[in-house]
């Protein structure tokens, strides 16, 4: 299993690379580490090790800033297919399948791994920290009455 810092790097580059592909900003063969999409494979394919929470927070902040530069219009005009290159193969997706079947499962996996690594190191995190604020309303009045 990769370390905490590597898992964060994978989430960040995966989010940026996925969004860039959906926006048509990257060509199919562009697999630079900054925009890799969950397919690095081994420790050698990463850059310098990030060793502090501050450096990880900076990396995440830079990714959020990049993601904010991608417009809805760019994504709405997504290419008909999105290619993710791996050594010896190319995976070709329709945009919807790329997001639902590839990007989201990979993001969930690596984010969950970050969460588990933090908890195993003694960081006081709970389920609510992982889920965030729910997107639903709570109704109590009138429940259980016939």
Protein backbone atom coordinates (compact mmCIF):
# COMPACT_ATOMS: atom_id res chain seq x y z
CA UNK A 1 0.00 0.00 0.00
CA UNK A 2 1.24 3.47 -0.79
CA UNK A 3 1.93 5.92 2.01
CA UNK A 4 -0.46 8.68 3.09
CA UNK A 5 1.38 11.30 1.03
CA UNK A 6 1.30 9.09 -2.07
CA UNK A 7 -2.41 8.44 -1.65
CA UNK A 8 -3.04 12.20 -1.45
CA UNK A 9 -0.91 12.74 -4.56
CA UNK A 10 -2.92 10.09 -6.42
CA UNK A 11 -6.21 11.76 -5.45
CA UNK A 12 -4.93 15.19 -6.49
CA UNK A 13 -3.43 14.16 -9.83
CA UNK A 14 -6.43 11.93 -10.53
CA UNK A 15 -8.90 14.74 -9.91
CA UNK A 16 -6.91 17.20 -12.02
CA UNK A 17 -6.24 14.72 -14.81
CA UNK A 18 -9.84 13.56 -14.95
CA UNK A 19 -11.20 17.09 -15.05
CA UNK A 20 -8.65 18.15 -17.67
CA UNK A 21 -9.64 15.22 -19.88
CA UNK A 22 -13.35 15.97 -19.48
CA UNK A 23 -12.65 19.58 -20.45
CA UNK A 24 -10.68 18.50 -23.52
CA UNK A 25 -7.50 20.12 -22.21
CA UNK A 26 -5.25 17.06 -22.55
CA UNK A 27 -4.43 14.91 -25.51
CA UNK A 28 -4.89 11.13 -25.12
CA UNK A 29 -1.15 10.52 -24.78
CA UNK A 30 -0.52 13.14 -22.09
CA UNK A 31 0.16 11.16 -18.93
CA UNK A 32 2.42 13.61 -17.13
CA UNK A 33 2.57 12.86 -13.40
CA UNK A 34 0.73 16.09 -12.60
CA UNK A 35 -2.30 14.87 -14.57
CA UNK A 36 -2.00 11.09 -14.21
CA UNK A 37 -5.33 9.35 -13.78
CA UNK A 38 -4.92 6.63 -11.14
CA UNK A 39 -2.43 4.59 -13.12
CA UNK A 40 1.06 5.32 -11.88
CA UNK A 41 1.77 1.78 -10.81
CA UNK A 42 4.87 2.03 -8.66
CA UNK A 43 6.82 4.26 -6.30
CA UNK A 44 9.34 5.24 -9.00
CA UNK A 45 6.69 7.06 -11.01
CA UNK A 46 6.21 9.72 -8.33
CA UNK A 47 8.20 12.88 -7.81
CA UNK A 48 9.75 14.09 -4.59
CA UNK A 49 8.13 12.80 -1.43
CA UNK A 50 5.84 15.26 0.32
CA UNK A 51 6.69 14.94 3.99
CA UNK A 52 4.52 17.44 5.83
CA UNK A 53 0.84 18.15 6.21
CA UNK A 54 1.59 21.70 5.08
CA UNK A 55 3.00 20.44 1.77
CA UNK A 56 -0.01 18.16 1.29
CA UNK A 57 -2.39 21.03 2.05
CA UNK A 58 -0.55 23.19 -0.49
CA UNK A 59 -0.83 20.42 -3.09
CA UNK A 60 -4.57 20.09 -2.42
CA UNK A 61 -5.04 23.87 -2.54
CA UNK A 62 -3.28 24.09 -5.89
CA UNK A 63 -5.48 21.31 -7.25
CA UNK A 64 -8.65 23.04 -6.07
CA UNK A 65 -7.46 26.26 -7.73
CA UNK A 66 -6.82 24.38 -10.98
CA UNK A 67 -10.22 22.68 -10.87
CA UNK A 68 -11.88 26.08 -10.47
CA UNK A 69 -10.38 27.16 -13.82
CA UNK A 70 -12.37 24.52 -15.70
CA UNK A 71 -15.65 25.92 -16.94
CA UNK A 72 -18.96 24.15 -17.28
CA UNK A 73 -18.87 24.99 -20.99
CA UNK A 74 -15.59 23.10 -21.38
CA UNK A 75 -17.03 20.02 -19.71
CA UNK A 76 -20.31 20.28 -21.64
CA UNK A 77 -18.23 20.20 -24.82
CA UNK A 78 -16.38 17.08 -23.64
CA UNK A 79 -14.77 14.99 -26.34
CA UNK A 80 -16.75 11.99 -27.60
CA UNK A 81 -14.19 9.67 -26.04
CA UNK A 82 -11.57 9.95 -23.33
CA UNK A 83 -8.40 7.90 -23.50
CA UNK A 84 -6.32 6.94 -20.49
CA UNK A 85 -2.97 5.47 -21.44
CA UNK A 86 -1.32 2.73 -19.43
CA UNK A 87 1.85 0.85 -20.30
CA UNK A 88 0.92 -1.47 -23.15
CA UNK A 89 -2.72 -0.40 -23.42
CA UNK A 90 -5.11 2.46 -23.85
CA UNK A 91 -8.46 2.59 -22.08
CA UNK A 92 -11.10 4.41 -24.10
CA UNK A 93 -14.24 5.67 -22.36
CA UNK A 94 -17.34 7.62 -23.21
CA UNK A 95 -17.36 10.68 -20.88
CA UNK A 96 -20.21 9.43 -18.67
CA UNK A 97 -18.63 6.00 -18.25
CA UNK A 98 -15.26 7.64 -17.58
CA UNK A 99 -16.72 9.51 -14.61
CA UNK A 100 -19.10 6.89 -13.22
CA UNK A 101 -17.14 3.70 -13.86
CA UNK A 102 -13.54 4.86 -13.56
CA UNK A 103 -13.02 8.24 -11.89
CA UNK A 104 -15.48 8.02 -8.99
CA UNK A 105 -14.54 4.48 -7.88
CA UNK A 106 -10.85 5.39 -7.97
CA UNK A 107 -11.39 8.65 -6.08
CA UNK A 108 -13.46 6.86 -3.43
CA UNK A 109 -10.84 4.13 -3.08
CA UNK A 110 -7.91 6.50 -2.59
CA UNK A 111 -9.81 8.98 -0.40
CA UNK A 112 -11.01 6.09 1.77
CA UNK A 113 -7.43 4.87 2.02
CA UNK A 114 -6.27 8.34 3.13
CA UNK A 115 -9.04 8.35 5.75
CA UNK A 116 -8.10 4.86 6.98
CA UNK A 117 -4.39 5.70 7.17
CA UNK A 118 -5.13 8.82 9.20
CA UNK A 119 -7.39 6.89 11.58
CA UNK A 120 -4.84 4.11 11.99
CA UNK A 121 -2.26 6.77 12.91
CA UNK A 122 -4.52 7.95 15.72
CA UNK A 123 -6.13 10.97 14.08
CA UNK A 124 -9.54 11.49 15.68
CA UNK A 125 -11.78 11.08 12.64
CA UNK A 126 -15.25 9.61 12.47
CA UNK A 127 -17.79 8.69 9.86
CA UNK A 128 -19.17 12.23 9.81
CA UNK A 129 -15.71 13.57 8.93
CA UNK A 130 -15.63 11.28 5.91
CA UNK A 131 -19.21 11.89 4.76
CA UNK A 132 -19.27 15.64 5.33
CA UNK A 133 -22.48 17.60 5.64
CA UNK A 134 -25.46 15.62 4.38
CA UNK A 135 -27.34 16.94 1.37
CA UNK A 136 -30.74 16.10 2.82
CA UNK A 137 -33.21 17.75 5.16
CA UNK A 138 -34.32 16.10 8.38
CA UNK A 139 -38.05 15.89 8.99
CA UNK A 140 -39.34 15.01 12.43
CA UNK A 141 -42.86 16.47 12.54
CA UNK A 142 -45.62 14.15 11.38
CA UNK A 143 -43.55 10.97 11.27
CA UNK A 144 -45.06 7.82 12.69
CA UNK A 145 -48.58 9.19 12.64
CA UNK A 146 -51.29 7.44 10.66
